[in-house]
């Protein structure tokens, strides 16, 4: 496979990219021609926004060519479309064939959350380094493949919440996993013996991911968008999100904890712990249960009525 590399100015980069796609190239990317030099410049817009121009002062427009697209014909078509002859500004480079599936899989190894709980990608089922559930009846192996980036169990906050569940969750307790993502915490809770496990997420694809992963791991739980969450309270409510949405959700999440129930929060940096705890103080006293790599897990108990 080949790549066509064209040099162009800032004002031409986006239009040239669009024309190349119309002419049948497989993909187009724009690179800073000064990358790695003292003239390299950042490309950004206002916080939370997009840059006004998707290009640098000097650019390389890189087009991936299909095997059946003749280079001379493509350059002639560019001349007709733009009125510019790119022949002297073009270079062709070979793209090394890569087994992308194997490369992606090599980046995801089994994860030991606790001695008892392992997250195992499907291609590591026979990995001799992973303990066998056949020889250890207390072992919990969760098969979870990287999918839509809703969580693979590698983040410290996931570890913290999972560790809390492993150490404190009791058989038969009800659990709400708010911000369930891939469903990893809900699945762990179900495998630890929880009943009536519910996962909620604002992203419909996350809900679908949780449903799929639950079925794939042989556990029963309910996953829905927030509007689908039925009235009621839970023995344990866990929310592994981020500090700002956690503060906004404080009244709702506290209201979902049954009297005497536990609330577990993560996605909180150590420096944010006091501020998040203050948001929950009118309902539940929260304190740091454990920290890991700069992140904390907050835990609290709702008082009996």
C-alpha atoms as a PDB file:
ATOM      1  CA  UNK A   1       0.000   0.000   0.000  1.00  0.00           C
ATOM      2  CA  UNK A   2       1.209   3.534  -0.795  1.00  0.00           C
ATOM      3  CA  UNK A   3       0.800   7.020   0.625  1.00  0.00           C
ATOM      4  CA  UNK A   4       0.856  10.175  -1.446  1.00  0.00           C
ATOM      5  CA  UNK A   5       2.427  13.092   0.452  1.00  0.00           C
ATOM      6  CA  UNK A   6       1.680  16.611  -0.806  1.00  0.00           C
ATOM      7  CA  UNK A   7       3.062  19.894   0.507  1.00  0.00           C
ATOM      8  CA  UNK A   8       0.633  22.768   0.708  1.00  0.00           C
ATOM      9  CA  UNK A   9      -0.127  26.022   2.479  1.00  0.00           C
ATOM     10  CA  UNK A  10      -2.453  26.492   5.450  1.00  0.00           C
ATOM     11  CA  UNK A  11      -5.351  27.882   3.422  1.00  0.00           C
ATOM     12  CA  UNK A  12      -5.289  24.963   0.951  1.00  0.00           C
ATOM     13  CA  UNK A  13      -5.020  22.006   3.350  1.00  0.00           C
ATOM     14  CA  UNK A  14      -8.691  21.394   4.101  1.00  0.00           C
ATOM     15  CA  UNK A  15      -9.889  21.907   0.520  1.00  0.00           C
ATOM     16  CA  UNK A  16      -7.146  19.652  -0.820  1.00  0.00           C
ATOM     17  CA  UNK A  17      -8.091  16.954   1.668  1.00  0.00           C
ATOM     18  CA  UNK A  18     -11.718  17.065   0.546  1.00  0.00           C
ATOM     19  CA  UNK A  19     -10.780  16.882  -3.129  1.00  0.00           C
ATOM     20  CA  UNK A  20      -8.505  13.882  -2.574  1.00  0.00           C
ATOM     21  CA  UNK A  21     -11.303  12.012  -0.835  1.00  0.00           C
ATOM     22  CA  UNK A  22     -13.646  12.806  -3.723  1.00  0.00           C
ATOM     23  CA  UNK A  23     -11.039  11.409  -6.125  1.00  0.00           C
ATOM     24  CA  UNK A  24     -11.009   8.036  -4.391  1.00  0.00           C
ATOM     25  CA  UNK A  25      -8.194   7.941  -1.854  1.00  0.00           C
ATOM     26  CA  UNK A  26      -8.887   5.787   1.201  1.00  0.00           C
ATOM     27  CA  UNK A  27      -8.083   8.348   3.885  1.00  0.00           C
ATOM     28  CA  UNK A  28      -6.431  11.723   4.367  1.00  0.00           C
ATOM     29  CA  UNK A  29      -4.494  13.226   7.260  1.00  0.00           C
ATOM     30  CA  UNK A  30      -2.843  16.612   7.649  1.00  0.00           C
ATOM     31  CA  UNK A  31       0.551  16.864   9.362  1.00  0.00           C
ATOM     32  CA  UNK A  32       2.714  19.774  10.464  1.00  0.00           C
ATOM     33  CA  UNK A  33       5.552  19.943   7.949  1.00  0.00           C
ATOM     34  CA  UNK A  34       7.700  21.539  10.666  1.00  0.00           C
ATOM     35  CA  UNK A  35       7.029  18.829  13.223  1.00  0.00           C
ATOM     36  CA  UNK A  36      10.137  17.994  15.242  1.00  0.00           C
ATOM     37  CA  UNK A  37      11.845  21.290  14.421  1.00  0.00           C
ATOM     38  CA  UNK A  38      12.097  24.630  16.206  1.00  0.00           C
ATOM     39  CA  UNK A  39       9.338  25.937  13.915  1.00  0.00           C
ATOM     40  CA  UNK A  40       6.814  23.328  15.104  1.00  0.00           C
ATOM     41  CA  UNK A  41       3.628  25.048  16.305  1.00  0.00           C
ATOM     42  CA  UNK A  42       0.693  23.771  18.398  1.00  0.00           C
ATOM     43  CA  UNK A  43      -2.752  23.567  16.850  1.00  0.00           C
ATOM     44  CA  UNK A  44      -5.608  24.364  19.183  1.00  0.00           C
ATOM     45  CA  UNK A  45      -8.693  26.516  19.660  1.00  0.00           C
ATOM     46  CA  UNK A  46     -10.455  27.926  22.670  1.00  0.00           C
ATOM     47  CA  UNK A  47     -10.853  25.510  25.620  1.00  0.00           C
ATOM     48  CA  UNK A  48     -13.559  23.015  24.779  1.00  0.00           C
ATOM     49  CA  UNK A  49     -13.689  24.148  21.159  1.00  0.00           C
ATOM     50  CA  UNK A  50     -12.143  23.360  17.805  1.00  0.00           C
ATOM     51  CA  UNK A  51      -9.367  25.368  16.112  1.00  0.00           C
ATOM     52  CA  UNK A  52     -10.592  27.794  13.447  1.00  0.00           C
ATOM     53  CA  UNK A  53      -8.350  26.210  10.797  1.00  0.00           C
ATOM     54  CA  UNK A  54      -7.459  22.523  10.772  1.00  0.00           C
ATOM     55  CA  UNK A  55      -3.938  23.110   9.471  1.00  0.00           C
ATOM     56  CA  UNK A  56      -0.510  24.593  10.166  1.00  0.00           C
ATOM     57  CA  UNK A  57       1.495  27.244   8.294  1.00  0.00           C
ATOM     58  CA  UNK A  58       3.282  24.536   6.295  1.00  0.00           C
ATOM     59  CA  UNK A  59       1.537  21.203   5.837  1.00  0.00           C
ATOM     60  CA  UNK A  60       1.922  17.692   4.595  1.00  0.00           C
ATOM     61  CA  UNK A  61      -1.336  16.254   3.295  1.00  0.00           C
ATOM     62  CA  UNK A  62      -0.998  12.474   3.420  1.00  0.00           C
ATOM     63  CA  UNK A  63      -3.407  10.384   1.321  1.00  0.00           C
ATOM     64  CA  UNK A  64      -3.625   6.605   1.546  1.00  0.00           C
ATOM     65  CA  UNK A  65      -3.942   5.222  -1.972  1.00  0.00           C
ATOM     66  CA  UNK A  66      -5.912   2.158  -3.027  1.00  0.00           C
ATOM     67  CA  UNK A  67      -3.893  -0.301  -5.078  1.00  0.00           C
ATOM     68  CA  UNK A  68      -5.937   0.304  -8.223  1.00  0.00           C
ATOM     69  CA  UNK A  69      -5.569   4.108  -8.234  1.00  0.00           C
ATOM     70  CA  UNK A  70      -2.854   5.239 -10.698  1.00  0.00           C
ATOM     71  CA  UNK A  71      -0.711   8.060  -9.328  1.00  0.00           C
ATOM     72  CA  UNK A  72      -0.424   9.913 -12.676  1.00  0.00           C
ATOM     73  CA  UNK A  73      -4.202   9.867 -13.096  1.00  0.00           C
ATOM     74  CA  UNK A  74      -4.703  11.190  -9.577  1.00  0.00           C
ATOM     75  CA  UNK A  75      -2.252  14.073 -10.109  1.00  0.00           C
ATOM     76  CA  UNK A  76      -3.903  14.928 -13.452  1.00  0.00           C
ATOM     77  CA  UNK A  77      -7.301  14.972 -11.754  1.00  0.00           C
ATOM     78  CA  UNK A  78      -5.907  17.254  -9.060  1.00  0.00           C
ATOM     79  CA  UNK A  79      -4.630  19.627 -11.735  1.00  0.00           C
ATOM     80  CA  UNK A  80      -8.066  19.751 -13.358  1.00  0.00           C
ATOM     81  CA  UNK A  81      -9.848  20.262 -10.013  1.00  0.00           C
ATOM     82  CA  UNK A  82      -7.524  22.842  -8.484  1.00  0.00           C
ATOM     83  CA  UNK A  83      -5.652  24.390 -11.395  1.00  0.00           C
ATOM     84  CA  UNK A  84      -2.414  23.579  -9.564  1.00  0.00           C
ATOM     85  CA  UNK A  85       0.284  21.137 -10.620  1.00  0.00           C
ATOM     86  CA  UNK A  86       1.310  19.141  -7.540  1.00  0.00           C
ATOM     87  CA  UNK A  87       3.785  16.902  -9.387  1.00  0.00           C
ATOM     88  CA  UNK A  88       6.841  18.704  -8.006  1.00  0.00           C
ATOM     89  CA  UNK A  89       5.310  18.882  -4.516  1.00  0.00           C
ATOM     90  CA  UNK A  90       4.401  15.191  -4.314  1.00  0.00           C
ATOM     91  CA  UNK A  91       6.186  12.215  -2.850  1.00  0.00           C
ATOM     92  CA  UNK A  92       5.132   8.592  -2.577  1.00  0.00           C
ATOM     93  CA  UNK A  93       6.069   6.340   0.330  1.00  0.00           C
ATOM     94  CA  UNK A  94       5.344   2.700   0.931  1.00  0.00           C
ATOM     95  CA  UNK A  95       3.205   1.687   3.917  1.00  0.00           C
ATOM     96  CA  UNK A  96       4.418  -1.406   5.714  1.00  0.00           C
ATOM     97  CA  UNK A  97       1.696  -4.019   6.024  1.00  0.00           C
ATOM     98  CA  UNK A  98       0.684  -4.410   9.685  1.00  0.00           C
ATOM     99  CA  UNK A  99      -1.490  -6.949  11.419  1.00  0.00           C
ATOM    100  CA  UNK A 100      -3.546  -4.317  13.238  1.00  0.00           C
ATOM    101  CA  UNK A 101      -5.641  -6.865  15.103  1.00  0.00           C
ATOM    102  CA  UNK A 102      -2.564  -8.553  16.543  1.00  0.00           C
ATOM    103  CA  UNK A 103      -0.949  -5.186  17.318  1.00  0.00           C
ATOM    104  CA  UNK A 104      -4.053  -3.978  19.169  1.00  0.00           C
ATOM    105  CA  UNK A 105      -4.366  -7.198  21.114  1.00  0.00           C
ATOM    106  CA  UNK A 106      -0.727  -7.024  22.182  1.00  0.00           C
ATOM    107  CA  UNK A 107      -1.494  -3.789  24.037  1.00  0.00           C
ATOM    108  CA  UNK A 108      -4.083  -5.383  26.329  1.00  0.00           C
ATOM    109  CA  UNK A 109      -2.875  -7.958  28.824  1.00  0.00           C
ATOM    110  CA  UNK A 110      -4.848  -9.615  31.648  1.00  0.00           C
ATOM    111  CA  UNK A 111      -5.399  -7.226  34.567  1.00  0.00           C
ATOM    112  CA  UNK A 112      -5.329  -8.360  38.186  1.00  0.00           C
ATOM    113  CA  UNK A 113      -7.619  -5.984  40.087  1.00  0.00           C
ATOM    114  CA  UNK A 114      -7.316  -8.025  43.265  1.00  0.00           C
ATOM    115  CA  UNK A 115      -5.899 -11.490  43.934  1.00  0.00           C
ATOM    116  CA  UNK A 116      -9.418 -12.753  43.364  1.00  0.00           C
ATOM    117  CA  UNK A 117     -10.650 -10.592  40.442  1.00  0.00           C
ATOM    118  CA  UNK A 118      -9.090 -10.642  36.974  1.00  0.00           C
ATOM    119  CA  UNK A 119     -10.069  -8.871  33.751  1.00  0.00           C
ATOM    120  CA  UNK A 120      -9.111 -11.159  30.866  1.00  0.00           C
ATOM    121  CA  UNK A 121      -9.378 -10.267  27.138  1.00  0.00           C
ATOM    122  CA  UNK A 122     -10.788 -13.165  25.136  1.00  0.00           C
ATOM    123  CA  UNK A 123      -7.460 -13.824  23.379  1.00  0.00           C
ATOM    124  CA  UNK A 124      -5.866 -14.540  26.770  1.00  0.00           C
ATOM    125  CA  UNK A 125      -8.270 -17.339  27.768  1.00  0.00           C
ATOM    126  CA  UNK A 126      -5.475 -19.892  27.627  1.00  0.00           C
ATOM    127  CA  UNK A 127      -2.778 -17.642  29.063  1.00  0.00           C
ATOM    128  CA  UNK A 128      -0.862 -19.728  31.623  1.00  0.00           C
ATOM    129  CA  UNK A 129      -0.181 -16.588  33.675  1.00  0.00           C
ATOM    130  CA  UNK A 130      -3.898 -16.235  34.437  1.00  0.00           C
ATOM    131  CA  UNK A 131      -5.113 -18.340  37.398  1.00  0.00           C
ATOM    132  CA  UNK A 132      -7.654 -21.032  36.589  1.00  0.00           C
ATOM    133  CA  UNK A 133     -11.199 -20.839  37.932  1.00  0.00           C
ATOM    134  CA  UNK A 134     -11.242 -24.645  37.831  1.00  0.00           C
ATOM    135  CA  UNK A 135      -8.627 -24.837  40.583  1.00  0.00           C
ATOM    136  CA  UNK A 136      -9.804 -21.795  42.566  1.00  0.00           C
ATOM    137  CA  UNK A 137     -13.549 -21.639  43.142  1.00  0.00           C
ATOM    138  CA  UNK A 138     -13.290 -18.126  44.628  1.00  0.00           C
ATOM    139  CA  UNK A 139     -11.615 -16.717  41.531  1.00  0.00           C
ATOM    140  CA  UNK A 140     -13.603 -14.242  39.420  1.00  0.00           C
ATOM    141  CA  UNK A 141     -12.534 -14.021  35.780  1.00  0.00           C
ATOM    142  CA  UNK A 142     -14.271 -11.346  33.726  1.00  0.00           C
ATOM    143  CA  UNK A 143     -13.885 -11.506  29.958  1.00  0.00           C
ATOM    144  CA  UNK A 144     -13.833  -7.975  28.622  1.00  0.00           C
ATOM    145  CA  UNK A 145     -12.441  -6.998  25.230  1.00  0.00           C
ATOM    146  CA  UNK A 146     -11.487  -3.410  24.395  1.00  0.00           C
ATOM    147  CA  UNK A 147     -14.416  -2.076  22.416  1.00  0.00           C
ATOM    148  CA  UNK A 148     -15.823   1.429  22.400  1.00  0.00           C
ATOM    149  CA  UNK A 149     -13.450   2.699  25.107  1.00  0.00           C
ATOM    150  CA  UNK A 150     -15.979   2.491  27.918  1.00  0.00           C
ATOM    151  CA  UNK A 151     -13.474   1.017  30.330  1.00  0.00           C
ATOM    152  CA  UNK A 152     -11.263  -2.058  30.329  1.00  0.00           C
ATOM    153  CA  UNK A 153     -10.458  -2.121  34.033  1.00  0.00           C
ATOM    154  CA  UNK A 154      -7.024  -0.553  33.715  1.00  0.00           C
ATOM    155  CA  UNK A 155      -7.761   2.803  35.347  1.00  0.00           C
ATOM    156  CA  UNK A 156      -6.885   3.308  39.045  1.00  0.00           C
ATOM    157  CA  UNK A 157     -10.430   4.442  39.878  1.00  0.00           C
ATOM    158  CA  UNK A 158     -11.857   1.187  38.519  1.00  0.00           C
ATOM    159  CA  UNK A 159      -9.399  -0.732  40.682  1.00  0.00           C
ATOM    160  CA  UNK A 160     -10.427   1.248  43.748  1.00  0.00           C
ATOM    161  CA  UNK A 161     -14.157   0.670  43.259  1.00  0.00           C
ATOM    162  CA  UNK A 162     -13.630  -3.008  42.469  1.00  0.00           C
ATOM    163  CA  UNK A 163     -11.463  -3.429  45.545  1.00  0.00           C
ATOM    164  CA  UNK A 164     -14.154  -1.862  47.716  1.00  0.00           C
ATOM    165  CA  UNK A 165     -16.767  -4.226  46.270  1.00  0.00           C
ATOM    166  CA  UNK A 166     -14.499  -7.238  46.800  1.00  0.00           C
ATOM    167  CA  UNK A 167     -13.895  -6.316  50.446  1.00  0.00           C
ATOM    168  CA  UNK A 168     -17.315  -5.008  51.521  1.00  0.00           C
ATOM    169  CA  UNK A 169     -20.138  -6.197  49.252  1.00  0.00           C
ATOM    170  CA  UNK A 170     -22.342  -8.804  50.916  1.00  0.00           C
ATOM    171  CA  UNK A 171     -24.238 -11.631  49.275  1.00  0.00           C
ATOM    172  CA  UNK A 172     -27.719 -10.624  48.155  1.00  0.00           C
ATOM    173  CA  UNK A 173     -27.240  -6.886  48.370  1.00  0.00           C
ATOM    174  CA  UNK A 174     -28.699  -4.679  45.634  1.00  0.00           C
ATOM    175  CA  UNK A 175     -26.287  -2.534  43.626  1.00  0.00           C
ATOM    176  CA  UNK A 176     -26.594   0.520  41.374  1.00  0.00           C
ATOM    177  CA  UNK A 177     -23.598   1.260  39.125  1.00  0.00           C
ATOM    178  CA  UNK A 178     -24.197   4.832  37.940  1.00  0.00           C
ATOM    179  CA  UNK A 179     -21.999   5.667  34.945  1.00  0.00           C
ATOM    180  CA  UNK A 180     -21.547   1.987  34.173  1.00  0.00           C
ATOM    181  CA  UNK A 181     -19.554   2.364  30.922  1.00  0.00           C
ATOM    182  CA  UNK A 182     -18.543  -1.165  29.919  1.00  0.00           C
ATOM    183  CA  UNK A 183     -20.455  -2.566  32.907  1.00  0.00           C
ATOM    184  CA  UNK A 184     -17.301  -3.808  34.596  1.00  0.00           C
ATOM    185  CA  UNK A 185     -18.265  -2.803  38.153  1.00  0.00           C
ATOM    186  CA  UNK A 186     -21.840  -4.043  37.750  1.00  0.00           C
ATOM    187  CA  UNK A 187     -20.530  -7.388  36.458  1.00  0.00           C
ATOM    188  CA  UNK A 188     -18.073  -7.658  39.358  1.00  0.00           C
ATOM    189  CA  UNK A 189     -20.907  -6.952  41.803  1.00  0.00           C
ATOM    190  CA  UNK A 190     -23.094  -9.632  40.216  1.00  0.00           C
ATOM    191  CA  UNK A 191     -20.275 -12.178  40.296  1.00  0.00           C
ATOM    192  CA  UNK A 192     -19.691 -11.354  43.963  1.00  0.00           C
ATOM    193  CA  UNK A 193     -23.270 -12.363  44.702  1.00  0.00           C
ATOM    194  CA  UNK A 194     -25.228  -9.123  44.460  1.00  0.00           C
ATOM    195  CA  UNK A 195     -28.834  -9.301  43.281  1.00  0.00           C
ATOM    196  CA  UNK A 196     -30.914  -6.739  41.443  1.00  0.00           C
ATOM    197  CA  UNK A 197     -27.821  -5.173  39.895  1.00  0.00           C
ATOM    198  CA  UNK A 198     -28.563  -2.104  37.758  1.00  0.00           C
ATOM    199  CA  UNK A 199     -26.189  -0.213  35.461  1.00  0.00           C
ATOM    200  CA  UNK A 200     -26.993   3.291  34.235  1.00  0.00           C
ATOM    201  CA  UNK A 201     -25.178   5.453  31.708  1.00  0.00           C
ATOM    202  CA  UNK A 202     -26.025   8.578  29.701  1.00  0.00           C
ATOM    203  CA  UNK A 203     -24.552   6.993  26.542  1.00  0.00           C
ATOM    204  CA  UNK A 204     -26.747   4.475  24.762  1.00  0.00           C
ATOM    205  CA  UNK A 205     -23.678   2.690  23.356  1.00  0.00           C
ATOM    206  CA  UNK A 206     -22.402   2.216  26.907  1.00  0.00           C
ATOM    207  CA  UNK A 207     -25.746   0.659  27.852  1.00  0.00           C
ATOM    208  CA  UNK A 208     -25.452  -1.717  24.897  1.00  0.00           C
ATOM    209  CA  UNK A 209     -21.848  -2.504  25.862  1.00  0.00           C
ATOM    210  CA  UNK A 210     -22.919  -3.318  29.432  1.00  0.00           C
ATOM    211  CA  UNK A 211     -25.705  -5.599  28.188  1.00  0.00           C
ATOM    212  CA  UNK A 212     -23.313  -7.438  25.863  1.00  0.00           C
ATOM    213  CA  UNK A 213     -20.575  -7.844  28.464  1.00  0.00           C
ATOM    214  CA  UNK A 214     -23.060  -9.046  31.093  1.00  0.00           C
ATOM    215  CA  UNK A 215     -24.405 -11.733  28.756  1.00  0.00           C
ATOM    216  CA  UNK A 216     -20.879 -12.686  27.715  1.00  0.00           C
ATOM    217  CA  UNK A 217     -19.941 -13.190  31.366  1.00  0.00           C
ATOM    218  CA  UNK A 218     -23.093 -15.086  32.304  1.00  0.00           C
ATOM    219  CA  UNK A 219     -24.515 -12.603  34.812  1.00  0.00           C
ATOM    220  CA  UNK A 220     -27.943 -11.025  35.100  1.00  0.00           C
ATOM    221  CA  UNK A 221     -28.280  -7.276  35.426  1.00  0.00           C
ATOM    222  CA  UNK A 222     -30.343  -4.426  34.027  1.00  0.00           C
ATOM    223  CA  UNK A 223     -28.747  -1.618  32.013  1.00  0.00           C
ATOM    224  CA  UNK A 224     -30.505   1.561  30.942  1.00  0.00           C
ATOM    225  CA  UNK A 225     -30.274   5.255  30.292  1.00  0.00           C
ATOM    226  CA  UNK A 226     -31.046   7.504  33.296  1.00  0.00           C
ATOM    227  CA  UNK A 227     -34.684   7.900  32.204  1.00  0.00           C
ATOM    228  CA  UNK A 228     -35.106   4.138  32.400  1.00  0.00           C
ATOM    229  CA  UNK A 229     -33.997   3.861  36.023  1.00  0.00           C
ATOM    230  CA  UNK A 230     -36.965   2.705  38.067  1.00  0.00           C
ATOM    231  CA  UNK A 231     -37.856   4.292  41.442  1.00  0.00           C
ATOM    232  CA  UNK A 232     -36.263   2.731  44.482  1.00  0.00           C
ATOM    233  CA  UNK A 233     -33.122   2.558  46.593  1.00  0.00           C
ATOM    234  CA  UNK A 234     -30.103   0.239  46.711  1.00  0.00           C
ATOM    235  CA  UNK A 235     -27.900  -1.259  49.388  1.00  0.00           C
ATOM    236  CA  UNK A 236     -24.827  -0.089  47.499  1.00  0.00           C
ATOM    237  CA  UNK A 237     -24.546   2.760  44.998  1.00  0.00           C
ATOM    238  CA  UNK A 238     -21.251   3.134  43.144  1.00  0.00           C
ATOM    239  CA  UNK A 239     -20.449   6.013  40.778  1.00  0.00           C
ATOM    240  CA  UNK A 240     -17.068   6.092  39.060  1.00  0.00           C
ATOM    241  CA  UNK A 241     -17.375   9.251  36.983  1.00  0.00           C
ATOM    242  CA  UNK A 242     -15.584  12.605  37.482  1.00  0.00           C
ATOM    243  CA  UNK A 243     -15.682  15.196  40.226  1.00  0.00           C
ATOM    244  CA  UNK A 244     -17.879  17.836  38.550  1.00  0.00           C
ATOM    245  CA  UNK A 245     -20.732  15.524  37.509  1.00  0.00           C
ATOM    246  CA  UNK A 246     -20.460  13.797  40.890  1.00  0.00           C
ATOM    247  CA  UNK A 247     -21.101  17.107  42.622  1.00  0.00           C
ATOM    248  CA  UNK A 248     -24.093  17.838  40.388  1.00  0.00           C
ATOM    249  CA  UNK A 249     -25.507  14.347  40.966  1.00  0.00           C
ATOM    250  CA  UNK A 250     -25.104  14.441  44.762  1.00  0.00           C
ATOM    251  CA  UNK A 251     -28.823  14.840  45.701  1.00  0.00           C
ATOM    252  CA  UNK A 252     -29.940  12.148  43.252  1.00  0.00           C
ATOM    253  CA  UNK A 253     -27.246   9.618  44.141  1.00  0.00           C
ATOM    254  CA  UNK A 254     -27.784  10.073  47.886  1.00  0.00           C
ATOM    255  CA  UNK A 255     -31.507   9.589  47.356  1.00  0.00           C
ATOM    256  CA  UNK A 256     -30.805   6.232  45.713  1.00  0.00           C
ATOM    257  CA  UNK A 257     -28.981   4.870  48.775  1.00  0.00           C
ATOM    258  CA  UNK A 258     -31.176   2.852  51.125  1.00  0.00           C
ATOM    259  CA  UNK A 259     -31.085   3.702  54.849  1.00  0.00           C
ATOM    260  CA  UNK A 260     -27.972   2.022  56.206  1.00  0.00           C
ATOM    261  CA  UNK A 261     -26.697   1.588  52.644  1.00  0.00           C
ATOM    262  CA  UNK A 262     -23.271   2.518  51.284  1.00  0.00           C
ATOM    263  CA  UNK A 263     -22.288   5.114  48.681  1.00  0.00           C
ATOM    264  CA  UNK A 264     -19.001   4.680  46.799  1.00  0.00           C
ATOM    265  CA  UNK A 265     -17.572   7.467  44.624  1.00  0.00           C
ATOM    266  CA  UNK A 266     -14.484   7.597  42.440  1.00  0.00           C
ATOM    267  CA  UNK A 267     -13.111   9.453  39.453  1.00  0.00           C
ATOM    268  CA  UNK A 268     -11.890  11.952  42.037  1.00  0.00           C
ATOM    269  CA  UNK A 269      -8.341  13.263  42.337  1.00  0.00           C
ATOM    270  CA  UNK A 270      -6.816  13.533  45.800  1.00  0.00           C
ATOM    271  CA  UNK A 271      -6.960  17.337  45.659  1.00  0.00           C
ATOM    272  CA  UNK A 272     -10.687  17.188  44.788  1.00  0.00           C
ATOM    273  CA  UNK A 273     -11.716  14.838  47.593  1.00  0.00           C
ATOM    274  CA  UNK A 274     -12.681  17.473  50.160  1.00  0.00           C
ATOM    275  CA  UNK A 275     -14.727  19.470  47.656  1.00  0.00           C
ATOM    276  CA  UNK A 276     -16.650  16.393  46.485  1.00  0.00           C
ATOM    277  CA  UNK A 277     -17.253  15.239  50.060  1.00  0.00           C
ATOM    278  CA  UNK A 278     -18.633  18.691  50.900  1.00  0.00           C
ATOM    279  CA  UNK A 279     -21.206  18.371  48.109  1.00  0.00           C
ATOM    280  CA  UNK A 280     -22.545  15.184  49.731  1.00  0.00           C
ATOM    281  CA  UNK A 281     -22.350  16.385  53.360  1.00  0.00           C
ATOM    282  CA  UNK A 282     -26.040  17.432  53.610  1.00  0.00           C
ATOM    283  CA  UNK A 283     -27.050  13.781  53.085  1.00  0.00           C
ATOM    284  CA  UNK A 284     -24.097  11.430  53.649  1.00  0.00           C
ATOM    285  CA  UNK A 285     -20.724  11.937  55.333  1.00  0.00           C
ATOM    286  CA  UNK A 286     -18.123  10.852  52.791  1.00  0.00           C
ATOM    287  CA  UNK A 287     -14.470  10.165  53.529  1.00  0.00           C
ATOM    288  CA  UNK A 288     -11.486   8.798  51.629  1.00  0.00           C
ATOM    289  CA  UNK A 289     -11.522   5.015  51.810  1.00  0.00           C
ATOM    290  CA  UNK A 290      -8.371   4.408  49.778  1.00  0.00           C
ATOM    291  CA  UNK A 291      -6.122   6.201  47.267  1.00  0.00           C
ATOM    292  CA  UNK A 292      -4.146   4.949  44.288  1.00  0.00           C
ATOM    293  CA  UNK A 293      -1.864   6.810  41.868  1.00  0.00           C
ATOM    294  CA  UNK A 294      -3.300  10.204  42.821  1.00  0.00           C
ATOM    295  CA  UNK A 295      -6.948   9.107  42.688  1.00  0.00           C
ATOM    296  CA  UNK A 296      -9.244   8.438  45.627  1.00  0.00           C
ATOM    297  CA  UNK A 297     -12.283   6.343  46.427  1.00  0.00           C
ATOM    298  CA  UNK A 298     -14.781   8.029  48.750  1.00  0.00           C
ATOM    299  CA  UNK A 299     -17.149   5.945  50.875  1.00  0.00           C
ATOM    300  CA  UNK A 300     -20.019   6.811  53.182  1.00  0.00           C
ATOM    301  CA  UNK A 301     -23.039   5.263  54.892  1.00  0.00           C
ATOM    302  CA  UNK A 302     -26.535   6.710  54.828  1.00  0.00           C
ATOM    303  CA  UNK A 303     -27.949   6.973  58.334  1.00  0.00           C
ATOM    304  CA  UNK A 304     -30.818   4.749  59.327  1.00  0.00           C
ATOM    305  CA  UNK A 305     -34.212   6.488  59.229  1.00  0.00           C
END
